[in-house]
Amino acid sequence: MSKDVAAYLTARIQQKGKLPAGTELAGFDYIESGHIDSIGIIRFILDLEREFDIVIGEADIDCADFRTIGGLTALIERKLRSP
């Protein structure tokens, strides 16, 4: 998991509130926890696309990995490596 991408995601997700002490970041489900709600997800996606200069499609959002910091980090890293 890239520390830069994960650090950005963690900081962005914590804008709604600190993560619980001892949280295992890679598996943290920021949607289930309420750190990103259904309305905030649109802004979150737009912020990610702008920050990393990527496009996040519907298939990406529907993927279970999208819901966790580790899964989203991996998704972003894949997009950054692809032409």
N, C-alpha and C. Protein backbone atom coordinates (compact mmCIF):
# COMPACT_ATOMS: atom_id res chain seq x y z
N MET A 1 0.86 -1.17 0.00
CA MET A 1 0.00 0.00 0.00
C MET A 1 0.90 1.23 0.00
N SER A 2 0.76 2.08 -0.99
CA SER A 2 1.57 3.29 -1.08
C SER A 2 1.27 4.20 0.10
N LYS A 3 2.32 4.62 0.78
CA LYS A 3 2.12 5.49 1.95
C LYS A 3 1.55 6.84 1.55
N ASP A 4 1.97 7.39 0.40
CA ASP A 4 1.47 8.69 -0.03
C ASP A 4 -0.03 8.64 -0.34
N VAL A 5 -0.45 7.65 -1.09
CA VAL A 5 -1.87 7.52 -1.44
C VAL A 5 -2.67 7.22 -0.17
N ALA A 6 -2.21 6.28 0.63
CA ALA A 6 -2.93 5.91 1.85
C ALA A 6 -3.00 7.10 2.82
N ALA A 7 -1.92 7.87 2.92
CA ALA A 7 -1.92 9.04 3.81
C ALA A 7 -2.93 10.08 3.33
N TYR A 8 -2.98 10.30 2.02
CA TYR A 8 -3.97 11.25 1.49
C TYR A 8 -5.39 10.76 1.81
N LEU A 9 -5.65 9.48 1.53
CA LEU A 9 -6.99 8.94 1.78
C LEU A 9 -7.36 9.03 3.26
N THR A 10 -6.43 8.67 4.12
CA THR A 10 -6.69 8.70 5.56
C THR A 10 -7.01 10.12 6.01
N ALA A 11 -6.19 11.08 5.57
CA ALA A 11 -6.44 12.48 5.94
C ALA A 11 -7.78 12.96 5.41
N ARG A 12 -8.10 12.61 4.19
CA ARG A 12 -9.37 13.03 3.57
C ARG A 12 -10.56 12.42 4.30
N ILE A 13 -10.45 11.15 4.64
CA ILE A 13 -11.54 10.45 5.33
C ILE A 13 -11.71 10.99 6.75
N GLN A 14 -10.63 11.38 7.38
CA GLN A 14 -10.70 11.88 8.76
C GLN A 14 -11.26 13.30 8.85
N GLN A 15 -11.55 13.92 7.73
CA GLN A 15 -12.18 15.24 7.78
C GLN A 15 -13.53 15.18 8.48
N LYS A 16 -14.17 14.03 8.40
CA LYS A 16 -15.48 13.84 9.05
C LYS A 16 -15.31 13.48 10.53
N GLY A 17 -14.18 12.93 10.88
CA GLY A 17 -13.91 12.55 12.27
C GLY A 17 -12.73 11.60 12.34
N LYS A 18 -12.04 11.64 13.45
CA LYS A 18 -10.87 10.77 13.65
C LYS A 18 -11.27 9.30 13.55
N LEU A 19 -10.35 8.50 13.04
CA LEU A 19 -10.57 7.06 13.02
C LEU A 19 -10.41 6.52 14.43
N PRO A 20 -11.14 5.47 14.78
CA PRO A 20 -11.02 4.89 16.11
C PRO A 20 -9.58 4.44 16.38
N ALA A 21 -9.16 4.59 17.63
CA ALA A 21 -7.81 4.18 18.02
C ALA A 21 -7.60 2.71 17.68
N GLY A 22 -6.41 2.40 17.19
CA GLY A 22 -6.07 1.03 16.86
C GLY A 22 -6.66 0.52 15.55
N THR A 23 -7.22 1.42 14.76
CA THR A 23 -7.84 1.03 13.49
C THR A 23 -6.80 0.47 12.53
N GLU A 24 -7.09 -0.67 11.94
CA GLU A 24 -6.24 -1.26 10.91
C GLU A 24 -6.65 -0.57 9.61
N LEU A 25 -5.79 0.32 9.12
CA LEU A 25 -6.14 1.19 7.99
C LEU A 25 -6.54 0.45 6.74
N ALA A 26 -5.79 -0.57 6.36
CA ALA A 26 -6.03 -1.25 5.09
C ALA A 26 -7.46 -1.77 4.98
N GLY A 27 -8.01 -2.27 6.06
CA GLY A 27 -9.35 -2.85 6.03
C GLY A 27 -10.46 -1.94 6.51
N PHE A 28 -10.13 -0.69 6.82
CA PHE A 28 -11.14 0.23 7.36
C PHE A 28 -12.18 0.58 6.30
N ASP A 29 -13.45 0.29 6.60
CA ASP A 29 -14.57 0.57 5.69
C ASP A 29 -15.11 1.96 6.03
N TYR A 30 -14.68 2.94 5.27
CA TYR A 30 -15.03 4.33 5.57
C TYR A 30 -16.49 4.65 5.25
N ILE A 31 -17.14 3.82 4.44
CA ILE A 31 -18.56 4.04 4.13
C ILE A 31 -19.42 3.49 5.27
N GLU A 32 -19.16 2.24 5.65
CA GLU A 32 -19.93 1.63 6.74
C GLU A 32 -19.78 2.41 8.04
N SER A 33 -18.59 2.96 8.27
CA SER A 33 -18.34 3.71 9.50
C SER A 33 -19.03 5.07 9.51
N GLY A 34 -19.46 5.54 8.33
CA GLY A 34 -20.10 6.84 8.24
C GLY A 34 -19.14 7.99 8.00
N HIS A 35 -17.86 7.68 7.80
CA HIS A 35 -16.90 8.75 7.54
C HIS A 35 -17.14 9.39 6.17
N ILE A 36 -17.66 8.63 5.24
CA ILE A 36 -18.09 9.17 3.94
C ILE A 36 -19.52 8.66 3.76
N ASP A 37 -20.47 9.58 3.63
CA ASP A 37 -21.87 9.16 3.47
C ASP A 37 -22.27 9.17 1.99
N SER A 38 -23.50 8.80 1.74
CA SER A 38 -23.95 8.65 0.36
C SER A 38 -23.91 9.97 -0.41
N ILE A 39 -24.10 11.07 0.24
CA ILE A 39 -24.02 12.36 -0.43
C ILE A 39 -22.55 12.77 -0.60
N GLY A 40 -21.74 12.53 0.41
CA GLY A 40 -20.33 12.90 0.37
C GLY A 40 -19.50 12.08 -0.59
N ILE A 41 -20.00 10.92 -1.00
CA ILE A 41 -19.22 10.04 -1.88
C ILE A 41 -18.95 10.70 -3.23
N ILE A 42 -19.88 11.48 -3.73
CA ILE A 42 -19.69 12.16 -5.01
C ILE A 42 -18.53 13.15 -4.90
N ARG A 43 -18.54 13.95 -3.85
CA ARG A 43 -17.46 14.92 -3.64
C ARG A 43 -16.13 14.19 -3.45
N PHE A 44 -16.17 13.11 -2.69
CA PHE A 44 -14.98 12.31 -2.42
C PHE A 44 -14.37 11.80 -3.74
N ILE A 45 -15.21 11.24 -4.60
CA ILE A 45 -14.74 10.73 -5.90
C ILE A 45 -14.16 11.85 -6.75
N LEU A 46 -14.85 12.98 -6.80
CA LEU A 46 -14.34 14.12 -7.57
C LEU A 46 -12.99 14.60 -7.03
N ASP A 47 -12.86 14.63 -5.71
CA ASP A 47 -11.58 15.02 -5.10
C ASP A 47 -10.47 14.05 -5.47
N LEU A 48 -10.77 12.75 -5.44
CA LEU A 48 -9.77 11.74 -5.79
C LEU A 48 -9.36 11.87 -7.25
N GLU A 49 -10.34 12.05 -8.12
CA GLU A 49 -10.04 12.19 -9.55
C GLU A 49 -9.16 13.41 -9.81
N ARG A 50 -9.45 14.49 -9.12
CA ARG A 50 -8.67 15.73 -9.29
C ARG A 50 -7.27 15.58 -8.68
N GLU A 51 -7.19 15.04 -7.49
CA GLU A 51 -5.90 14.89 -6.79
C GLU A 51 -4.93 13.98 -7.54
N PHE A 52 -5.44 12.86 -8.07
CA PHE A 52 -4.57 11.86 -8.70
C PHE A 52 -4.65 11.86 -10.22
N ASP A 53 -5.47 12.75 -10.80
CA ASP A 53 -5.63 12.84 -12.24
C ASP A 53 -6.00 11.48 -12.84
N ILE A 54 -7.06 10.90 -12.28
CA ILE A 54 -7.58 9.60 -12.71
C ILE A 54 -9.08 9.72 -12.92
N VAL A 55 -9.66 8.69 -13.51
CA VAL A 55 -11.11 8.59 -13.65
C VAL A 55 -11.56 7.36 -12.87
N ILE A 56 -12.52 7.57 -12.00
CA ILE A 56 -13.10 6.47 -11.24
C ILE A 56 -14.47 6.19 -11.83
N GLY A 57 -14.62 5.01 -12.41
CA GLY A 57 -15.86 4.65 -13.09
C GLY A 57 -16.83 3.91 -12.18
N GLU A 58 -18.00 3.65 -12.72
CA GLU A 58 -19.04 2.95 -11.98
C GLU A 58 -18.59 1.56 -11.54
N ALA A 59 -17.86 0.85 -12.41
CA ALA A 59 -17.37 -0.48 -12.04
C ALA A 59 -16.40 -0.39 -10.85
N ASP A 60 -15.61 0.67 -10.80
CA ASP A 60 -14.70 0.86 -9.67
C ASP A 60 -15.48 1.07 -8.38
N ILE A 61 -16.52 1.87 -8.45
CA ILE A 61 -17.33 2.19 -7.27
C ILE A 61 -18.09 0.96 -6.79
N ASP A 62 -18.53 0.12 -7.71
CA ASP A 62 -19.28 -1.08 -7.36
C ASP A 62 -18.41 -2.18 -6.76
N CYS A 63 -17.10 -2.09 -6.95
CA CYS A 63 -16.17 -3.08 -6.43
C CYS A 63 -16.08 -2.97 -4.90
N ALA A 64 -16.10 -4.11 -4.21
CA ALA A 64 -16.03 -4.11 -2.75
C ALA A 64 -14.76 -3.45 -2.24
N ASP A 65 -13.67 -3.53 -2.99
CA ASP A 65 -12.41 -2.92 -2.58
C ASP A 65 -12.51 -1.40 -2.47
N PHE A 66 -13.45 -0.80 -3.18
CA PHE A 66 -13.61 0.64 -3.15
C PHE A 66 -13.94 1.15 -1.75
N ARG A 67 -14.53 0.30 -0.92
CA ARG A 67 -15.02 0.69 0.40
C ARG A 67 -13.95 0.77 1.48
N THR A 68 -12.76 0.24 1.22
CA THR A 68 -11.72 0.24 2.25
C THR A 68 -10.54 1.10 1.82
N ILE A 69 -9.80 1.59 2.80
CA ILE A 69 -8.64 2.42 2.50
C ILE A 69 -7.61 1.61 1.70
N GLY A 70 -7.36 0.37 2.10
CA GLY A 70 -6.40 -0.46 1.39
C GLY A 70 -6.84 -0.78 -0.02
N GLY A 71 -8.10 -1.11 -0.19
CA GLY A 71 -8.63 -1.43 -1.52
C GLY A 71 -8.62 -0.22 -2.43
N LEU A 72 -9.00 0.94 -1.89
CA LEU A 72 -9.01 2.15 -2.69
C LEU A 72 -7.59 2.59 -3.04
N THR A 73 -6.67 2.41 -2.11
CA THR A 73 -5.27 2.72 -2.39
C THR A 73 -4.78 1.87 -3.56
N ALA A 74 -5.07 0.58 -3.53
CA ALA A 74 -4.65 -0.33 -4.61
C ALA A 74 -5.30 0.08 -5.93
N LEU A 75 -6.57 0.44 -5.90
CA LEU A 75 -7.28 0.88 -7.11
C LEU A 75 -6.61 2.11 -7.71
N ILE A 76 -6.32 3.09 -6.87
CA ILE A 76 -5.68 4.33 -7.35
C ILE A 76 -4.30 4.03 -7.90
N GLU A 77 -3.54 3.20 -7.21
CA GLU A 77 -2.18 2.85 -7.68
C GLU A 77 -2.22 2.15 -9.03
N ARG A 78 -3.21 1.26 -9.24
CA ARG A 78 -3.35 0.60 -10.54
C ARG A 78 -3.64 1.63 -11.63
N LYS A 79 -4.51 2.57 -11.34
CA LYS A 79 -4.85 3.59 -12.33
C LYS A 79 -3.66 4.49 -12.62
N LEU A 80 -2.84 4.76 -11.63
CA LEU A 80 -1.67 5.61 -11.84
C LEU A 80 -0.61 4.92 -12.69
N ARG A 81 -0.55 3.58 -12.63
CA ARG A 81 0.42 2.82 -13.41
C ARG A 81 -0.02 2.56 -14.84
N SER A 82 -1.35 2.58 -15.07
CA SER A 82 -1.84 2.24 -16.41
C SER A 82 -1.76 3.47 -17.32
N PRO A 83 -1.52 3.21 -18.62
CA PRO A 83 -1.38 4.33 -19.57
C PRO A 83 -2.68 5.06 -19.82
